[in-house]
Amino acid sequence: MSIIQKKEKNLNLLINKLNSLTLTYSQPTYEVEKIKSEKNEILRQKKELEKKNQELFREHKYLKEKIHNLQQDVKKKSEFENNFNQEIEELSQETENLVSEIEKWQT
């Protein structure tokens, strides 16, 4: 169970306790209102945290995809560079062979 899930579970337990407390425990009206206010504030904070959590998940997914795409680009460029270097090496070898042939014909 993740930390967020544990915190959410604890928060839900607290909300349930607050609900049962306001229903069963005889308190002065101002304390009941205070508890309800605290409960509402906790619920508001919970919703806000859930929203931030979802935003973080979306951002994480986006960044993960972006990293993957960048890795693919680097891989493609590396393959292109390797092919280019191989072609240069082949051309260099051909040039050496041609120079060698020209030198043979000149002598």
N, C-alpha and C. Protein backbone atom coordinates (compact mmCIF):
# COMPACT_ATOMS: atom_id res chain seq x y z
N MET A 1 0.85 -1.17 0.00
CA MET A 1 0.00 0.00 0.00
C MET A 1 0.90 1.23 0.00
N SER A 2 0.63 2.15 -0.88
CA SER A 2 1.47 3.32 -0.98
C SER A 2 1.19 4.30 0.15
N ILE A 3 2.07 5.23 0.30
CA ILE A 3 1.94 6.24 1.36
C ILE A 3 0.66 7.04 1.16
N ILE A 4 0.37 7.38 -0.09
CA ILE A 4 -0.83 8.16 -0.38
C ILE A 4 -2.07 7.36 0.01
N GLN A 5 -2.08 6.09 -0.31
CA GLN A 5 -3.23 5.26 0.03
C GLN A 5 -3.39 5.14 1.55
N LYS A 6 -2.27 5.01 2.27
CA LYS A 6 -2.34 4.94 3.74
C LYS A 6 -2.88 6.24 4.31
N LYS A 7 -2.40 7.35 3.78
CA LYS A 7 -2.88 8.64 4.26
C LYS A 7 -4.36 8.83 3.96
N GLU A 8 -4.77 8.39 2.78
CA GLU A 8 -6.17 8.51 2.41
C GLU A 8 -7.03 7.64 3.33
N LYS A 9 -6.56 6.46 3.62
CA LYS A 9 -7.30 5.56 4.51
C LYS A 9 -7.42 6.19 5.90
N ASN A 10 -6.32 6.74 6.40
CA ASN A 10 -6.36 7.38 7.71
C ASN A 10 -7.29 8.60 7.70
N LEU A 11 -7.25 9.34 6.62
CA LEU A 11 -8.12 10.50 6.49
C LEU A 11 -9.59 10.08 6.48
N ASN A 12 -9.90 9.04 5.73
CA ASN A 12 -11.27 8.54 5.69
C ASN A 12 -11.72 8.04 7.07
N LEU A 13 -10.81 7.38 7.79
CA LEU A 13 -11.15 6.93 9.15
C LEU A 13 -11.44 8.12 10.05
N LEU A 14 -10.63 9.15 9.93
CA LEU A 14 -10.83 10.35 10.73
C LEU A 14 -12.17 11.01 10.40
N ILE A 15 -12.48 11.08 9.12
CA ILE A 15 -13.76 11.67 8.70
C ILE A 15 -14.92 10.86 9.26
N ASN A 16 -14.81 9.56 9.18
CA ASN A 16 -15.87 8.71 9.73
C ASN A 16 -16.01 8.89 11.24
N LYS A 17 -14.89 9.02 11.93
CA LYS A 17 -14.95 9.25 13.37
C LYS A 17 -15.60 10.59 13.67
N LEU A 18 -15.23 11.58 12.87
CA LEU A 18 -15.84 12.90 13.07
C LEU A 18 -17.34 12.84 12.83
N ASN A 19 -17.74 12.12 11.80
CA ASN A 19 -19.17 11.98 11.52
C ASN A 19 -19.89 11.30 12.68
N SER A 20 -19.33 10.21 13.15
CA SER A 20 -19.99 9.49 14.23
C SER A 20 -19.95 10.30 15.53
N LEU A 21 -18.90 11.05 15.70
CA LEU A 21 -18.78 11.87 16.90
C LEU A 21 -19.86 12.94 16.92
N THR A 22 -20.10 13.56 15.80
CA THR A 22 -21.12 14.61 15.77
C THR A 22 -22.51 14.02 15.92
N LEU A 23 -22.69 12.78 15.54
CA LEU A 23 -24.02 12.18 15.64
C LEU A 23 -24.30 11.59 17.02
N THR A 24 -23.29 11.12 17.71
CA THR A 24 -23.54 10.40 18.96
C THR A 24 -23.15 11.18 20.21
N TYR A 25 -22.23 12.05 20.09
CA TYR A 25 -21.72 12.73 21.27
C TYR A 25 -22.43 14.06 21.45
N SER A 26 -22.94 14.26 22.60
CA SER A 26 -23.68 15.49 22.86
C SER A 26 -22.69 16.59 23.21
N GLN A 27 -22.62 17.59 22.34
CA GLN A 27 -21.69 18.68 22.54
C GLN A 27 -22.42 20.00 22.34
N PRO A 28 -21.84 21.05 22.85
CA PRO A 28 -22.43 22.35 22.57
C PRO A 28 -22.40 22.63 21.07
N THR A 29 -23.31 23.42 20.59
CA THR A 29 -23.46 23.68 19.17
C THR A 29 -22.19 24.25 18.55
N TYR A 30 -21.51 25.13 19.25
CA TYR A 30 -20.30 25.73 18.67
C TYR A 30 -19.22 24.69 18.44
N GLU A 31 -19.12 23.67 19.29
CA GLU A 31 -18.13 22.62 19.09
C GLU A 31 -18.52 21.73 17.91
N VAL A 32 -19.80 21.47 17.76
CA VAL A 32 -20.28 20.67 16.64
C VAL A 32 -19.95 21.40 15.34
N GLU A 33 -20.20 22.70 15.33
CA GLU A 33 -19.90 23.49 14.14
C GLU A 33 -18.40 23.52 13.87
N LYS A 34 -17.63 23.59 14.93
CA LYS A 34 -16.17 23.58 14.77
C LYS A 34 -15.72 22.25 14.16
N ILE A 35 -16.27 21.16 14.65
CA ILE A 35 -15.92 19.84 14.11
C ILE A 35 -16.34 19.72 12.66
N LYS A 36 -17.54 20.19 12.35
CA LYS A 36 -18.00 20.16 10.96
C LYS A 36 -17.10 21.00 10.07
N SER A 37 -16.70 22.13 10.59
CA SER A 37 -15.81 23.00 9.83
C SER A 37 -14.46 22.32 9.58
N GLU A 38 -13.94 21.69 10.60
CA GLU A 38 -12.67 20.96 10.45
C GLU A 38 -12.82 19.81 9.47
N LYS A 39 -13.93 19.13 9.57
CA LYS A 39 -14.22 18.03 8.63
C LYS A 39 -14.24 18.54 7.20
N ASN A 40 -14.95 19.63 6.98
CA ASN A 40 -15.03 20.21 5.64
C ASN A 40 -13.65 20.66 5.14
N GLU A 41 -12.86 21.20 6.03
CA GLU A 41 -11.52 21.63 5.65
C GLU A 41 -10.66 20.41 5.28
N ILE A 42 -10.78 19.36 6.04
CA ILE A 42 -10.03 18.14 5.74
C ILE A 42 -10.47 17.57 4.39
N LEU A 43 -11.77 17.57 4.13
CA LEU A 43 -12.26 17.09 2.84
C LEU A 43 -11.75 17.96 1.70
N ARG A 44 -11.72 19.26 1.90
CA ARG A 44 -11.22 20.17 0.89
C ARG A 44 -9.74 19.89 0.61
N GLN A 45 -8.97 19.72 1.69
CA GLN A 45 -7.54 19.43 1.53
C GLN A 45 -7.34 18.09 0.82
N LYS A 46 -8.18 17.13 1.14
CA LYS A 46 -8.09 15.83 0.49
C LYS A 46 -8.31 15.96 -1.01
N LYS A 47 -9.35 16.69 -1.40
CA LYS A 47 -9.63 16.89 -2.83
C LYS A 47 -8.48 17.62 -3.52
N GLU A 48 -7.95 18.60 -2.84
CA GLU A 48 -6.84 19.36 -3.40
C GLU A 48 -5.62 18.47 -3.60
N LEU A 49 -5.33 17.64 -2.61
CA LEU A 49 -4.19 16.72 -2.72
C LEU A 49 -4.41 15.68 -3.81
N GLU A 50 -5.63 15.20 -3.95
CA GLU A 50 -5.93 14.24 -5.01
C GLU A 50 -5.73 14.89 -6.38
N LYS A 51 -6.15 16.13 -6.50
CA LYS A 51 -5.97 16.84 -7.77
C LYS A 51 -4.48 17.03 -8.07
N LYS A 52 -3.72 17.43 -7.08
CA LYS A 52 -2.28 17.60 -7.28
C LYS A 52 -1.62 16.27 -7.62
N ASN A 53 -2.08 15.23 -6.96
CA ASN A 53 -1.54 13.90 -7.23
C ASN A 53 -1.78 13.49 -8.68
N GLN A 54 -3.00 13.74 -9.17
CA GLN A 54 -3.31 13.42 -10.57
C GLN A 54 -2.46 14.23 -11.53
N GLU A 55 -2.24 15.49 -11.20
CA GLU A 55 -1.40 16.34 -12.05
C GLU A 55 0.02 15.79 -12.09
N LEU A 56 0.51 15.37 -10.94
CA LEU A 56 1.86 14.80 -10.89
C LEU A 56 1.95 13.51 -11.69
N PHE A 57 0.91 12.68 -11.61
CA PHE A 57 0.91 11.46 -12.40
C PHE A 57 0.92 11.77 -13.89
N ARG A 58 0.12 12.75 -14.31
CA ARG A 58 0.11 13.13 -15.72
C ARG A 58 1.47 13.67 -16.16
N GLU A 59 2.05 14.50 -15.31
CA GLU A 59 3.36 15.06 -15.65
C GLU A 59 4.42 13.96 -15.71
N HIS A 60 4.35 13.04 -14.78
CA HIS A 60 5.29 11.93 -14.77
C HIS A 60 5.18 11.11 -16.06
N LYS A 61 3.95 10.83 -16.45
CA LYS A 61 3.72 10.06 -17.68
C LYS A 61 4.26 10.80 -18.89
N TYR A 62 3.98 12.11 -18.96
CA TYR A 62 4.47 12.93 -20.07
C TYR A 62 6.00 12.93 -20.12
N LEU A 63 6.63 13.13 -18.97
CA LEU A 63 8.10 13.17 -18.93
C LEU A 63 8.70 11.80 -19.27
N LYS A 64 8.05 10.77 -18.82
CA LYS A 64 8.52 9.42 -19.12
C LYS A 64 8.48 9.16 -20.62
N GLU A 65 7.39 9.56 -21.26
CA GLU A 65 7.27 9.41 -22.72
C GLU A 65 8.30 10.27 -23.44
N LYS A 66 8.51 11.47 -22.94
CA LYS A 66 9.48 12.36 -23.56
C LYS A 66 10.90 11.77 -23.46
N ILE A 67 11.24 11.22 -22.31
CA ILE A 67 12.55 10.58 -22.15
C ILE A 67 12.68 9.41 -23.11
N HIS A 68 11.63 8.63 -23.22
CA HIS A 68 11.65 7.48 -24.14
C HIS A 68 11.89 7.96 -25.57
N ASN A 69 11.17 9.01 -25.98
CA ASN A 69 11.33 9.54 -27.34
C ASN A 69 12.74 10.08 -27.56
N LEU A 70 13.28 10.75 -26.55
CA LEU A 70 14.65 11.26 -26.67
C LEU A 70 15.66 10.12 -26.78
N GLN A 71 15.43 9.07 -26.03
CA GLN A 71 16.32 7.91 -26.11
C GLN A 71 16.26 7.29 -27.50
N GLN A 72 15.06 7.22 -28.07
CA GLN A 72 14.91 6.69 -29.43
C GLN A 72 15.63 7.58 -30.44
N ASP A 73 15.50 8.90 -30.27
CA ASP A 73 16.20 9.82 -31.17
C ASP A 73 17.71 9.65 -31.08
N VAL A 74 18.21 9.54 -29.86
CA VAL A 74 19.65 9.35 -29.67
C VAL A 74 20.11 8.05 -30.32
N LYS A 75 19.31 7.01 -30.16
CA LYS A 75 19.64 5.71 -30.75
C LYS A 75 19.68 5.81 -32.27
N LYS A 76 18.68 6.48 -32.86
CA LYS A 76 18.65 6.63 -34.32
C LYS A 76 19.83 7.44 -34.81
N LYS A 77 20.15 8.52 -34.10
CA LYS A 77 21.28 9.36 -34.51
C LYS A 77 22.60 8.60 -34.38
N SER A 78 22.68 7.80 -33.36
CA SER A 78 23.88 6.99 -33.17
C SER A 78 24.03 5.98 -34.31
N GLU A 79 22.93 5.35 -34.68
CA GLU A 79 22.97 4.41 -35.81
C GLU A 79 23.33 5.13 -37.10
N PHE A 80 22.75 6.31 -37.30
CA PHE A 80 23.07 7.10 -38.49
C PHE A 80 24.56 7.46 -38.50
N GLU A 81 25.06 7.87 -37.35
CA GLU A 81 26.48 8.23 -37.25
C GLU A 81 27.37 7.03 -37.53
N ASN A 82 27.01 5.88 -37.01
CA ASN A 82 27.79 4.67 -37.26
C ASN A 82 27.79 4.31 -38.74
N ASN A 83 26.62 4.40 -39.36
CA ASN A 83 26.53 4.12 -40.80
C ASN A 83 27.36 5.11 -41.60
N PHE A 84 27.27 6.37 -41.22
CA PHE A 84 28.03 7.41 -41.90
C PHE A 84 29.54 7.14 -41.77
N ASN A 85 29.97 6.80 -40.58
CA ASN A 85 31.40 6.50 -40.36
C ASN A 85 31.84 5.27 -41.15
N GLN A 86 30.96 4.30 -41.24
CA GLN A 86 31.28 3.10 -42.01
C GLN A 86 31.41 3.44 -43.50
N GLU A 87 30.50 4.27 -44.00
CA GLU A 87 30.57 4.67 -45.41
C GLU A 87 31.84 5.48 -45.68
N ILE A 88 32.21 6.35 -44.75
CA ILE A 88 33.44 7.12 -44.91
C ILE A 88 34.64 6.18 -44.95
N GLU A 89 34.63 5.19 -44.08
CA GLU A 89 35.73 4.23 -44.06
C GLU A 89 35.80 3.46 -45.38
N GLU A 90 34.64 3.07 -45.91
CA GLU A 90 34.61 2.36 -47.19
C GLU A 90 35.12 3.26 -48.32
N LEU A 91 34.68 4.50 -48.32
CA LEU A 91 35.17 5.44 -49.35
C LEU A 91 36.67 5.68 -49.23
N SER A 92 37.12 5.76 -48.01
CA SER A 92 38.56 5.95 -47.79
C SER A 92 39.34 4.76 -48.33
N GLN A 93 38.83 3.57 -48.07
CA GLN A 93 39.49 2.36 -48.57
C GLN A 93 39.47 2.33 -50.09
N GLU A 94 38.34 2.70 -50.69
CA GLU A 94 38.25 2.74 -52.15
C GLU A 94 39.23 3.76 -52.72
N THR A 95 39.33 4.89 -52.05
CA THR A 95 40.25 5.93 -52.52
C THR A 95 41.69 5.42 -52.46
N GLU A 96 42.03 4.76 -51.39
CA GLU A 96 43.39 4.21 -51.28
C GLU A 96 43.65 3.19 -52.38
N ASN A 97 42.64 2.38 -52.67
CA ASN A 97 42.79 1.38 -53.74
C ASN A 97 42.97 2.06 -55.09
N LEU A 98 42.19 3.11 -55.34
CA LEU A 98 42.32 3.84 -56.60
C LEU A 98 43.69 4.51 -56.72
N VAL A 99 44.14 5.12 -55.64
CA VAL A 99 45.46 5.75 -55.66
C VAL A 99 46.53 4.70 -55.93
N SER A 100 46.36 3.55 -55.33
CA SER A 100 47.32 2.48 -55.55
C SER A 100 47.31 2.02 -57.01
N GLU A 101 46.13 1.91 -57.58
CA GLU A 101 46.01 1.53 -58.99
C GLU A 101 46.62 2.59 -59.90
N ILE A 102 46.37 3.84 -59.60
CA ILE A 102 46.93 4.94 -60.41
C ILE A 102 48.44 4.91 -60.34
N GLU A 103 48.97 4.67 -59.16
CA GLU A 103 50.44 4.60 -59.03
C GLU A 103 51.01 3.44 -59.82
N LYS A 104 50.30 2.34 -59.85
CA LYS A 104 50.76 1.20 -60.65
C LYS A 104 50.79 1.57 -62.12
N TRP A 105 49.80 2.26 -62.62
CA TRP A 105 49.72 2.61 -64.04
C TRP A 105 50.76 3.66 -64.41
N GLN A 106 51.13 4.46 -63.47
CA GLN A 106 52.11 5.51 -63.76
C GLN A 106 53.53 4.97 -63.80
N THR A 107 53.76 3.89 -63.16
CA THR A 107 55.12 3.35 -63.18
C THR A 107 55.39 2.40 -64.29
